[in-house]
Structures are given as C-alpha cells and as structure tokens.
Amino acid sequence: MSATVADTDPAAVAVVGPGRIGRQIALAFALGGRRVLLVDAKTRAPEEHRAVFADARREIARDLALMTEEGVIEDGDAAPALDRVESRVGLDGLGACGFVQEALPELLDLKRDVLGRLSARVGAGAIIASTSSTISPKHLADAVEGPERFLVAHWLNPAHIIPLVEVVPGRATNSAIVARTVELLEGLGKVVVRCADSPGFIGPRMQALLMNEAVRLVEEGVATPEDVDRAFKAGMGFRYAQVGIFEFIDWGGVDILHRASRFLAKALGDDRFRPARLVEEKVARNELGPKTGRGFFDYAGDKRDAFEIAKVRALLRQLGRRLDA
C-alpha cells in the first residue's frame, strides 16, 4: 500500500493482523485521518506477503467504493483514506505508533506470543490493545511489557461500519490509558462502552447464546435457517435497533420476562431459560417497569410517557425508512 508513516509520527496507528477484521479496523482509522501500518506478523514467503496485502488493498478499496456509493463518505474521501494505509511485514519499525491494535485470530497462545514480542518493540507510551472477542485481559496482560498500557478494544465485524467498540481494561490498566483510548475511538465516530474484565464482555457473550439457540431451533425442526433469519431481522433486529434490551424488559414488564422464563424452563426442560436472580428480585420488589414506576430504570412522574413516546416515535421513523427503501 502506498502511504509511508514517518518514524516521528506519534499519531500513527498500527494494526497487527491483515485479516478481515484487521483490514476493517485499518480502514476505520484511515477514514478518521490516521496514518495506519497494517502489519503482517506471520512468517511467510515474500510472495505470500504480497498476496495478503494485495487482497487487503483490494478489499479496502472495494469497501471505500461501497461507502461512497451509499453516501456514507464523500466522493473525495476514498483515495486519501486508502493512501493512509501502508503494509508492513514484521513487528520492527513500530516505535512511533501511539496506538497498536492486535487483530489476530482468537487463539490464546498466538495472541500472548505476539503481544509479548510487540510490547518489547513499541514505544513506552504506546497503547496496546487486543481485539479479542472472548479472551479477557486477565488472560493476556501478563504477556505484555507494561500491562498498565494494555486493554481490549473489541470491534464488531464489520468494524468500519458497526458503531460499537467495547473497551475492557485489565486489573493493571491505567485509567489515563482507558481515557485516551475512549477519546481516540470516539474521534472516529465510534460508540464506546466500557465493561469489566470478564470472558465474552457484553456483545459476544450475548451473541454466543443467541446464535447457538438459533441453531438449536433448526436442529429441533422448529424452523428453517431462512425463517429464523427472517424472524430475527423483522422482529428483534428491527426492535433492538431502537430499544435496548433493558429498556424492552421494562417496557414489556419484568414480570412478563419472569413468567415467560419459568414457562420455557419447565416446558423445554432446560434450566438455561430460568429467570435471572436479579429478575426474581425485581419481581419481589414490584419493580416491573413503567407500570409500577420503576424497573431497571426510573419512570417516576412524567418519565413513563416521555420514555414510551420516544421509543414509539423512533420505531415509527425506522418503519418509515424501511417502507421508503
């Protein structure tokens, strides 16, 4: 790729791993005005490196073209963004990068090995982030020289499109490093949530359950993959684009979730459907949502009407956009 990151450029970013998610992260940073080193740390023959980077460039150019066609970026933004991405073989020469994002496959030993070697080569002030979707920082941080500058920044595929990035500090992570990471990602237009050091974080933990349950529906002959996908996109997918999960628990009623969970656990003979402990506690306290003034959120006074009107309005606008499409 074409641009060259100057050795004295502290604003440069390195993305280690030129696979699908790494390419997307590099694109997001390049669109945010950052110069990006897209690094292949794997030992390969020179022609294999060239093939990997040629494919990465082709895919990044394709996605930039699609973003331009759909009006997400301006016509003149694509070429400069592509020029900000430079290919690099190996972990040397990254000393000027202020932020380094590891984007390797979800293999613990591989990540630990590369993070250890990487942390010995970058500057002492560089933030080192893993894009792990399930491996929590406590399993990685001790492999890093300077664990106070290490955290997980989990991007969702496709990373250049999905707004969310989950930021997961480890026990040793300095609070200033967290703040700098959040500022950097929000500067790219990302929606950043911070979560505790726990396997799967927020999105992957919920998603693994959801996807496995979808497969079980097909295994049991309840529905076809096509109908499961149609049901999700037109139902939960449509709703949850505007209404958060806890917002909907409250809106539908914590007691409704409680009764539905107990019925499913009994009817299917599977304790994985049993109500969560906190749901049991909410029901016992009569904190059922807007109808009782409190659920997981407060609906005292005129907050109930404001909440319900805002959500209905957002869903109606989304429906209007769908009908216009």
Protein backbone atom coordinates (compact mmCIF):
# COMPACT_ATOMS: atom_id res chain seq x y z
CA MET A 1 0.00 0.00 0.00
CA SER A 2 1.16 3.47 -0.76
CA ALA A 3 1.49 5.91 2.10
CA THR A 4 4.57 5.99 4.32
CA VAL A 5 4.26 6.60 8.06
CA ALA A 6 7.05 8.87 9.20
CA ASP A 7 9.22 7.50 12.00
CA THR A 8 8.43 10.58 14.09
CA ASP A 9 4.64 10.42 13.70
CA PRO A 10 3.21 9.73 17.20
CA ALA A 11 -0.32 9.85 15.78
CA ALA A 12 0.32 6.80 13.63
CA VAL A 13 -1.61 3.63 14.34
CA ALA A 14 -0.52 0.04 13.80
CA VAL A 15 -2.98 -2.79 13.21
CA VAL A 16 -1.29 -6.16 13.64
CA GLY A 17 -3.09 -8.76 11.57
CA PRO A 18 -4.12 -8.11 7.95
CA GLY A 19 -7.12 -10.46 8.02
CA ARG A 20 -10.76 -9.44 7.68
CA ILE A 21 -11.21 -7.58 10.97
CA GLY A 22 -7.72 -6.01 10.79
CA ARG A 23 -8.43 -4.58 7.34
CA GLN A 24 -11.70 -3.11 8.57
CA ILE A 25 -10.07 -1.53 11.63
CA ALA A 26 -7.31 -0.07 9.45
CA LEU A 27 -9.98 1.41 7.19
CA ALA A 28 -11.80 2.97 10.16
CA PHE A 29 -8.62 4.64 11.39
CA ALA A 30 -7.68 5.80 7.88
CA LEU A 31 -11.11 7.39 7.42
CA GLY A 32 -10.54 9.12 10.75
CA GLY A 33 -7.45 10.79 9.31
CA ARG A 34 -4.87 8.47 10.90
CA ARG A 35 -1.91 7.02 9.12
CA VAL A 36 -2.03 3.26 9.52
CA LEU A 37 0.54 0.49 9.40
CA LEU A 38 -1.22 -2.76 8.51
CA VAL A 39 1.19 -5.35 9.85
CA ASP A 40 1.59 -8.99 8.90
CA ALA A 41 3.46 -10.66 11.77
CA LYS A 42 3.16 -14.17 10.37
CA THR A 43 6.19 -15.88 8.88
CA ARG A 44 5.52 -16.33 5.15
CA ALA A 45 7.33 -16.40 1.85
CA PRO A 46 7.68 -12.93 0.25
CA GLU A 47 5.16 -13.77 -2.47
CA GLU A 48 2.63 -14.82 0.20
CA HIS A 49 3.05 -11.48 1.98
CA ARG A 50 2.48 -9.69 -1.32
CA ALA A 51 -0.66 -11.72 -1.97
CA VAL A 52 -2.06 -10.99 1.50
CA PHE A 53 -1.51 -7.26 1.15
CA ALA A 54 -2.84 -7.17 -2.40
CA ASP A 55 -6.03 -8.82 -1.19
CA ALA A 56 -6.23 -6.40 1.75
CA ARG A 57 -5.85 -3.40 -0.55
CA ARG A 58 -8.49 -4.76 -2.93
CA GLU A 59 -10.96 -5.29 -0.09
CA ILE A 60 -10.34 -1.88 1.49
CA ALA A 61 -10.74 -0.17 -1.89
CA ARG A 62 -13.94 -2.11 -2.51
CA ASP A 63 -15.41 -1.07 0.84
CA LEU A 64 -14.43 2.55 0.30
CA ALA A 65 -16.20 2.45 -3.08
CA LEU A 66 -19.33 1.00 -1.46
CA MET A 67 -19.29 3.65 1.26
CA THR A 68 -19.03 6.33 -1.43
CA GLU A 69 -21.86 4.82 -3.48
CA GLU A 70 -24.11 4.71 -0.42
CA GLY A 71 -23.33 8.30 0.56
CA VAL A 72 -21.59 7.37 3.83
CA ILE A 73 -18.43 9.22 2.79
CA GLU A 74 -17.82 11.99 0.28
CA ASP A 75 -16.53 11.23 -3.22
CA GLY A 76 -13.14 12.73 -2.46
CA ASP A 77 -12.54 10.85 0.81
CA ALA A 78 -11.82 7.37 -0.54
CA ALA A 79 -8.47 7.83 -2.27
CA PRO A 80 -6.81 9.76 0.61
CA ALA A 81 -8.01 7.12 3.08
CA LEU A 82 -6.51 4.33 1.00
CA ASP A 83 -3.26 6.26 0.74
CA ARG A 84 -3.03 6.46 4.55
CA VAL A 85 -2.66 2.67 4.83
CA GLU A 86 0.82 1.16 4.48
CA SER A 87 1.69 -2.53 4.55
CA ARG A 88 4.42 -3.70 6.87
CA VAL A 89 5.99 -7.14 7.37
CA GLY A 90 7.13 -7.99 10.89
CA LEU A 91 6.99 -6.16 14.20
CA ASP A 92 10.03 -3.92 13.80
CA GLY A 93 9.67 -0.24 12.97
CA LEU A 94 6.51 0.40 15.02
CA GLY A 95 8.19 2.57 17.62
CA ALA A 96 6.47 5.78 16.51
CA CYS A 97 2.94 4.40 16.72
CA GLY A 98 0.88 5.82 19.55
CA PHE A 99 -1.80 3.12 19.37
CA VAL A 100 -1.30 -0.51 18.39
CA GLN A 101 -4.29 -2.78 17.78
CA GLU A 102 -3.65 -6.52 17.72
CA ALA A 103 -6.18 -8.15 15.36
CA LEU A 104 -5.10 -11.79 15.25
CA PRO A 105 -7.22 -14.97 15.31
CA GLU A 106 -8.88 -15.88 18.62
CA LEU A 107 -6.06 -18.17 19.78
CA LEU A 108 -4.72 -17.50 23.28
CA ASP A 109 -1.15 -18.72 22.75
CA LEU A 110 -0.81 -16.83 19.47
CA LYS A 111 -2.04 -13.57 20.98
CA ARG A 112 0.19 -13.91 24.03
CA ASP A 113 3.25 -14.59 21.89
CA VAL A 114 2.68 -11.67 19.53
CA LEU A 115 1.65 -9.24 22.27
CA GLY A 116 4.81 -10.09 24.21
CA ARG A 117 7.09 -9.53 21.22
CA LEU A 118 5.14 -6.47 20.14
CA SER A 119 5.28 -4.77 23.53
CA ALA A 120 9.07 -5.02 23.53
CA ARG A 121 9.29 -3.16 20.21
CA VAL A 122 6.85 -0.26 20.51
CA GLY A 123 7.41 2.96 22.42
CA ALA A 124 6.87 3.08 26.16
CA GLY A 125 3.97 5.50 25.70
CA ALA A 126 2.12 3.41 23.13
CA ILE A 127 -1.27 1.97 23.99
CA ILE A 128 -1.50 -1.74 23.19
CA ALA A 129 -4.99 -3.14 22.54
CA SER A 130 -6.25 -6.59 21.68
CA THR A 131 -9.33 -7.02 19.54
CA SER A 132 -10.24 -10.28 21.27
CA SER A 133 -13.96 -11.02 21.32
CA THR A 134 -13.90 -13.58 24.15
CA ILE A 135 -10.45 -13.70 25.78
CA SER A 136 -10.43 -11.29 28.71
CA PRO A 137 -7.46 -9.06 29.59
CA LYS A 138 -6.54 -11.15 32.65
CA HIS A 139 -5.51 -13.96 30.27
CA LEU A 140 -3.30 -11.66 28.17
CA ALA A 141 -1.96 -8.79 30.27
CA ASP A 142 0.93 -10.65 31.91
CA ALA A 143 2.38 -11.35 28.46
CA VAL A 144 2.73 -7.60 27.83
CA GLU A 145 5.69 -5.49 28.90
CA GLY A 146 3.94 -2.66 30.71
CA PRO A 147 0.49 -4.15 31.37
CA GLU A 148 -0.69 -0.75 32.60
CA ARG A 149 -0.92 0.33 28.94
CA PHE A 150 -2.80 -2.76 27.79
CA LEU A 151 -6.54 -3.30 27.32
CA VAL A 152 -9.01 -4.97 25.00
CA ALA A 153 -10.69 -2.85 22.32
CA HIS A 154 -13.24 -5.21 20.80
CA TRP A 155 -14.55 -4.06 17.42
CA LEU A 156 -17.60 -5.72 15.90
CA ASN A 157 -17.45 -7.14 12.38
CA PRO A 158 -17.70 -5.26 10.01
CA ALA A 159 -15.58 -2.92 12.10
CA HIS A 160 -15.63 0.04 9.69
CA ILE A 161 -19.46 0.06 9.76
CA ILE A 162 -20.68 -1.12 13.19
CA PRO A 163 -20.51 1.85 15.59
CA LEU A 164 -19.82 -0.12 18.77
CA VAL A 165 -16.38 -0.76 20.27
CA GLU A 166 -16.17 -2.43 23.69
CA VAL A 167 -13.27 -1.19 25.82
CA VAL A 168 -12.19 -3.65 28.51
CA PRO A 169 -9.43 -2.59 30.93
CA GLY A 170 -7.44 -5.17 32.82
CA ARG A 171 -6.71 -5.02 36.52
CA ALA A 172 -3.41 -3.23 35.87
CA THR A 173 -4.66 -0.84 33.15
CA ASN A 174 -4.01 2.81 33.94
CA SER A 175 -7.16 4.95 33.92
CA ALA A 176 -5.42 7.50 31.70
CA ILE A 177 -4.89 4.78 29.08
CA VAL A 178 -8.60 3.99 29.15
CA ALA A 179 -9.46 7.67 28.75
CA ARG A 180 -7.04 8.10 25.83
CA THR A 181 -8.44 5.00 24.11
CA VAL A 182 -12.03 6.16 24.51
CA GLU A 183 -11.11 9.61 23.17
CA LEU A 184 -9.34 8.09 20.17
CA LEU A 185 -12.22 5.77 19.27
CA GLU A 186 -14.90 8.41 19.79
CA GLY A 187 -12.86 10.63 17.48
CA LEU A 188 -13.53 8.04 14.79
CA GLY A 189 -17.27 8.34 15.43
CA LYS A 190 -17.48 5.09 17.39
CA VAL A 191 -19.89 4.42 20.23
CA VAL A 192 -17.66 3.23 23.08
CA VAL A 193 -18.86 1.21 26.06
CA ARG A 194 -16.63 0.18 28.92
CA CYS A 195 -17.08 -3.19 30.56
CA ALA A 196 -15.38 -5.26 33.23
CA ASP A 197 -12.74 -7.91 32.66
CA SER A 198 -14.97 -10.92 32.01
CA PRO A 199 -14.86 -13.52 29.19
CA GLY A 200 -17.08 -12.52 26.26
CA PHE A 201 -17.61 -8.97 27.55
CA ILE A 202 -21.10 -7.74 26.51
CA GLY A 203 -21.80 -8.41 22.84
CA PRO A 204 -20.02 -11.75 22.27
CA ARG A 205 -21.40 -13.25 25.48
CA MET A 206 -24.99 -12.48 24.49
CA GLN A 207 -24.39 -13.26 20.84
CA ALA A 208 -22.99 -16.74 21.53
CA LEU A 209 -26.16 -17.68 23.39
CA LEU A 210 -28.38 -16.19 20.70
CA MET A 211 -26.61 -17.87 17.80
CA ASN A 212 -26.49 -21.27 19.48
CA GLU A 213 -30.19 -21.04 20.31
CA ALA A 214 -30.93 -20.22 16.67
CA VAL A 215 -29.04 -23.35 15.61
CA ARG A 216 -30.98 -25.42 18.15
CA LEU A 217 -34.25 -24.22 16.62
CA VAL A 218 -33.09 -25.64 13.30
CA GLU A 219 -31.76 -28.85 14.91
CA GLU A 220 -35.13 -29.44 16.58
CA GLY A 221 -37.06 -28.84 13.38
CA VAL A 222 -38.82 -25.76 14.75
CA ALA A 223 -37.90 -23.58 11.77
CA THR A 224 -35.57 -23.33 8.80
CA PRO A 225 -32.46 -21.13 8.84
CA GLU A 226 -34.22 -18.83 6.36
CA ASP A 227 -37.26 -18.37 8.59
CA VAL A 228 -35.16 -17.90 11.73
CA ASP A 229 -33.24 -15.13 9.97
CA ARG A 230 -36.41 -13.51 8.63
CA ALA A 231 -37.98 -13.63 12.09
CA PHE A 232 -34.93 -12.06 13.67
CA LYS A 233 -34.47 -9.26 11.12
CA ALA A 234 -38.16 -8.27 11.06
CA GLY A 235 -38.68 -8.75 14.80
CA MET A 236 -35.91 -8.46 17.38
CA GLY A 237 -33.42 -6.96 14.96
CA PHE A 238 -35.88 -4.25 13.99
CA ARG A 239 -36.90 -3.54 17.58
CA TYR A 240 -33.49 -3.63 19.21
CA ALA A 241 -32.09 -1.12 16.73
CA GLN A 242 -34.07 1.48 18.70
CA VAL A 243 -34.96 -0.14 22.02
CA GLY A 244 -32.23 -1.50 24.28
CA ILE A 245 -32.60 -4.88 25.94
CA PHE A 246 -33.14 -3.48 29.43
CA GLU A 247 -35.43 -0.81 28.03
CA PHE A 248 -37.54 -3.54 26.45
CA ILE A 249 -37.53 -5.71 29.59
CA ASP A 250 -39.04 -2.74 31.41
CA TRP A 251 -41.39 -1.79 28.59
CA GLY A 252 -42.77 -5.31 28.25
CA GLY A 253 -42.69 -5.84 32.01
CA VAL A 254 -40.14 -7.56 34.22
CA ASP A 255 -42.95 -9.84 35.38
CA ILE A 256 -43.61 -10.90 31.77
CA LEU A 257 -39.97 -11.93 31.38
CA HIS A 258 -40.19 -13.75 34.70
CA ARG A 259 -43.29 -15.75 33.72
CA ALA A 260 -42.02 -16.48 30.21
CA SER A 261 -38.68 -17.69 31.54
CA ARG A 262 -40.27 -20.01 34.08
CA PHE A 263 -42.62 -21.46 31.45
CA LEU A 264 -39.83 -22.08 28.94
CA ALA A 265 -37.56 -23.66 31.56
CA LYS A 266 -40.34 -26.08 32.54
CA ALA A 267 -41.74 -26.77 29.05
CA LEU A 268 -38.33 -27.33 27.45
CA GLY A 269 -36.84 -29.00 30.50
CA ASP A 270 -33.79 -26.76 30.40
CA ASP A 271 -32.56 -24.57 33.23
CA ARG A 272 -30.80 -22.22 30.84
CA PHE A 273 -34.17 -20.48 30.44
CA ARG A 274 -34.79 -19.96 34.15
CA PRO A 275 -35.17 -16.33 35.32
CA ALA A 276 -32.01 -14.49 36.32
CA ARG A 277 -31.61 -13.83 40.04
CA LEU A 278 -31.98 -10.08 39.55
CA VAL A 279 -35.27 -10.63 37.68
CA GLU A 280 -36.55 -12.61 40.67
CA GLU A 281 -35.52 -9.77 42.97
CA LYS A 282 -37.20 -7.12 40.81
CA VAL A 283 -40.47 -9.07 40.80
CA ALA A 284 -40.32 -9.50 44.58
CA ARG A 285 -39.91 -5.71 44.97
CA ASN A 286 -42.68 -4.99 42.43
CA GLU A 287 -40.20 -3.14 40.22
CA LEU A 288 -41.82 -4.23 36.99
CA GLY A 289 -41.16 -1.30 34.65
CA PRO A 290 -43.12 1.82 33.67
CA LYS A 291 -46.40 0.39 35.02
CA THR A 292 -45.03 0.40 38.59
CA GLY A 293 -42.80 3.48 38.25
CA ARG A 294 -39.52 1.57 38.34
CA GLY A 295 -37.94 -1.44 36.71
CA PHE A 296 -34.30 -1.39 35.72
CA PHE A 297 -34.82 2.34 35.13
CA ASP A 298 -36.80 5.08 36.87
CA TYR A 299 -40.19 6.10 35.41
CA ALA A 300 -41.43 8.42 38.14
CA GLY A 301 -43.60 11.40 37.24
CA ASP A 302 -43.74 12.11 33.51
CA LYS A 303 -40.74 9.89 32.70
CA ARG A 304 -43.02 6.99 31.65
CA ASP A 305 -44.78 8.97 28.93
CA ALA A 306 -41.53 10.54 27.76
CA PHE A 307 -39.87 7.12 27.50
CA GLU A 308 -42.74 5.43 25.66
CA ILE A 309 -43.31 8.32 23.27
CA ALA A 310 -39.61 8.49 22.41
CA LYS A 311 -39.43 4.78 21.70
CA VAL A 312 -42.62 4.62 19.65
CA ARG A 313 -41.51 7.65 17.65
CA ALA A 314 -38.10 6.07 16.95
CA LEU A 315 -39.70 2.81 15.80
CA LEU A 316 -42.16 4.64 13.58
CA ARG A 317 -39.35 6.58 11.93
CA GLN A 318 -37.48 3.35 11.37
CA LEU A 319 -40.60 1.78 9.88
CA GLY A 320 -40.98 4.77 7.58
CA ARG A 321 -37.39 4.39 6.36
CA ARG A 322 -37.98 0.69 5.74
CA LEU A 323 -41.13 1.36 3.72
CA ASP A 324 -39.36 4.05 1.70
CA ALA A 325 -36.46 1.73 0.86
